[in-house]
């Protein structure tokens, strides 16, 4: 099932940061983001919140794709991100792999790397699976009110 977003993706945090969703499959998803000053903290390193945001965005999207058809929504429940080495330039690469696919939670491991393939951050992400409000379900699936 394809997601029909309620908000123009360019107007979301992902759009502002420049997150690009890449390939995905059953139990995994990848994304990239170009490093620019807009994602750095004042000392020139990619801000730690960017790594956490990437992890939450890609795992929430992958979970949503798996649960929407059942009338459920996905929303971040827990995000534990550890920073191992800085990224100063180039491209941020992220790959999430699902560890658990439960009725009410999905658990993911996310590995964030630099252009050299070095692990720069790791995240354990727990995504809640909850019944979707009817109005949101209609908007997302095109069965009523049109998305904004």
Protein backbone atom coordinates (compact mmCIF):
# COMPACT_ATOMS: atom_id res chain seq x y z
CA UNK A 1 0.00 0.00 0.00
CA UNK A 2 1.21 3.49 -0.82
CA UNK A 3 1.03 6.33 1.70
CA UNK A 4 -0.87 9.44 0.66
CA UNK A 5 0.55 12.04 3.09
CA UNK A 6 -1.71 14.46 4.95
CA UNK A 7 0.96 17.20 4.71
CA UNK A 8 3.14 18.06 1.72
CA UNK A 9 6.41 16.21 2.50
CA UNK A 10 8.40 19.31 1.51
CA UNK A 11 6.80 21.18 4.41
CA UNK A 12 7.69 18.55 7.03
CA UNK A 13 10.88 18.17 9.08
CA UNK A 14 12.03 15.46 6.66
CA UNK A 15 11.59 17.85 3.76
CA UNK A 16 13.31 20.73 5.51
CA UNK A 17 16.28 18.51 6.38
CA UNK A 18 16.41 16.96 2.90
CA UNK A 19 15.77 13.31 3.84
CA UNK A 20 15.53 11.06 0.78
CA UNK A 21 13.93 7.65 1.22
CA UNK A 22 15.74 5.04 -0.84
CA UNK A 23 15.21 1.34 -1.33
CA UNK A 24 13.07 -0.74 1.03
CA UNK A 25 11.88 -4.28 1.41
CA UNK A 26 10.23 -6.61 3.87
CA UNK A 27 11.86 -5.66 7.17
CA UNK A 28 14.31 -2.98 5.98
CA UNK A 29 14.47 0.55 4.62
CA UNK A 30 17.26 2.91 3.56
CA UNK A 31 17.59 6.68 3.30
CA UNK A 32 20.18 9.38 2.67
CA UNK A 33 20.65 13.04 3.50
CA UNK A 34 23.18 15.51 2.13
CA UNK A 35 25.20 17.29 4.81
CA UNK A 36 24.87 21.07 4.78
CA UNK A 37 25.06 23.82 7.36
CA UNK A 38 21.30 23.45 7.95
CA UNK A 39 21.87 20.06 9.68
CA UNK A 40 24.97 21.02 11.68
CA UNK A 41 25.43 22.24 15.21
CA UNK A 42 27.53 25.41 15.76
CA UNK A 43 30.84 23.50 15.93
CA UNK A 44 30.39 22.10 12.40
CA UNK A 45 29.25 18.54 13.21
CA UNK A 46 25.98 17.03 12.09
CA UNK A 47 23.57 17.66 14.97
CA UNK A 48 22.70 14.53 16.97
CA UNK A 49 19.02 15.30 16.61
CA UNK A 50 19.36 14.81 12.87
CA UNK A 51 20.44 11.20 13.38
CA UNK A 52 17.54 10.60 15.77
CA UNK A 53 15.13 12.23 13.33
CA UNK A 54 16.31 10.09 10.42
CA UNK A 55 15.88 6.93 12.49
CA UNK A 56 12.38 7.85 13.62
CA UNK A 57 11.27 8.95 10.17
CA UNK A 58 12.36 5.87 8.27
CA UNK A 59 11.18 3.34 10.86
CA UNK A 60 7.82 5.07 11.29
CA UNK A 61 7.33 5.12 7.53
CA UNK A 62 8.31 1.47 7.12
CA UNK A 63 6.03 0.44 9.97
CA UNK A 64 3.15 2.52 8.59
CA UNK A 65 3.47 0.81 5.22
CA UNK A 66 3.10 -2.52 7.02
CA UNK A 67 0.10 -1.65 9.20
CA UNK A 68 -1.99 0.87 7.27
CA UNK A 69 -3.93 -1.80 5.38
CA UNK A 70 -5.13 -3.14 8.73
CA UNK A 71 -6.46 0.28 9.75
CA UNK A 72 -3.55 1.07 12.04
CA UNK A 73 -1.11 3.96 12.34
CA UNK A 74 2.57 4.02 13.33
CA UNK A 75 4.11 6.49 15.72
CA UNK A 76 7.47 6.67 17.44
CA UNK A 77 7.39 5.34 21.00
CA UNK A 78 11.07 5.18 21.98
CA UNK A 79 14.20 6.46 20.27
CA UNK A 80 17.61 5.63 21.75
CA UNK A 81 20.39 7.00 19.59
CA UNK A 82 24.09 6.61 20.37
CA UNK A 83 26.68 8.78 18.63
CA UNK A 84 29.94 7.04 17.75
CA UNK A 85 31.80 9.40 15.41
CA UNK A 86 31.00 12.73 13.76
CA UNK A 87 30.00 13.41 10.20
CA UNK A 88 31.28 16.75 8.91
CA UNK A 89 30.50 16.59 5.19
CA UNK A 90 29.23 14.38 2.39
CA UNK A 91 26.15 12.20 2.70
CA UNK A 92 24.51 10.58 5.71
CA UNK A 93 23.45 7.00 4.94
CA UNK A 94 20.86 5.18 7.07
CA UNK A 95 19.64 1.60 7.01
CA UNK A 96 16.97 0.27 9.37
CA UNK A 97 16.34 -3.42 9.93
CA UNK A 98 13.26 -4.70 11.73
CA UNK A 99 13.94 -6.91 14.75
CA UNK A 100 10.38 -7.46 15.95
CA UNK A 101 6.98 -7.23 14.27
CA UNK A 102 4.35 -7.35 16.99
CA UNK A 103 0.69 -6.51 17.19
CA UNK A 104 1.25 -3.23 19.09
CA UNK A 105 4.96 -2.50 18.60
CA UNK A 106 7.65 -2.94 15.99
CA UNK A 107 11.32 -2.74 17.00
CA UNK A 108 14.07 -1.57 14.65
CA UNK A 109 17.85 -1.24 14.62
CA UNK A 110 19.17 1.68 12.60
CA UNK A 111 22.78 2.08 11.51
CA UNK A 112 23.90 5.50 10.29
CA UNK A 113 27.13 5.68 8.29
CA UNK A 114 29.29 8.21 6.47
CA UNK A 115 30.48 8.06 2.87
CA UNK A 116 33.36 5.76 3.91
CA UNK A 117 30.90 3.24 5.37
CA UNK A 118 31.97 3.93 8.96
CA UNK A 119 29.28 3.58 11.59
CA UNK A 120 28.63 7.04 13.05
CA UNK A 121 25.44 6.45 15.03
CA UNK A 122 23.19 3.56 16.01
CA UNK A 123 19.56 3.72 17.07
CA UNK A 124 17.14 1.30 18.68
CA UNK A 125 13.72 2.50 17.62
CA UNK A 126 10.40 1.25 18.99
CA UNK A 127 7.35 2.19 16.93
CA UNK A 128 3.85 1.95 18.39
CA UNK A 129 1.08 0.44 16.26
CA UNK A 130 -2.29 1.94 17.17
CA UNK A 131 -5.76 2.10 15.59
CA UNK A 132 -5.92 4.96 13.14
CA UNK A 133 -8.59 7.62 13.67
CA UNK A 134 -11.26 7.25 10.99
CA UNK A 135 -10.76 10.75 9.57
CA UNK A 136 -7.03 10.15 9.11
CA UNK A 137 -7.63 6.74 7.55
CA UNK A 138 -10.01 8.20 4.96
CA UNK A 139 -7.57 10.99 4.10
CA UNK A 140 -4.55 8.68 3.81
CA UNK A 141 -6.28 6.11 1.65
CA UNK A 142 -8.19 8.61 -0.51
CA UNK A 143 -11.53 7.43 0.80
CA UNK A 144 -12.93 10.79 1.79
CA UNK A 145 -11.45 14.12 2.69
CA UNK A 146 -8.50 14.98 0.47
CA UNK A 147 -5.08 15.42 2.08
CA UNK A 148 -3.85 18.94 2.72
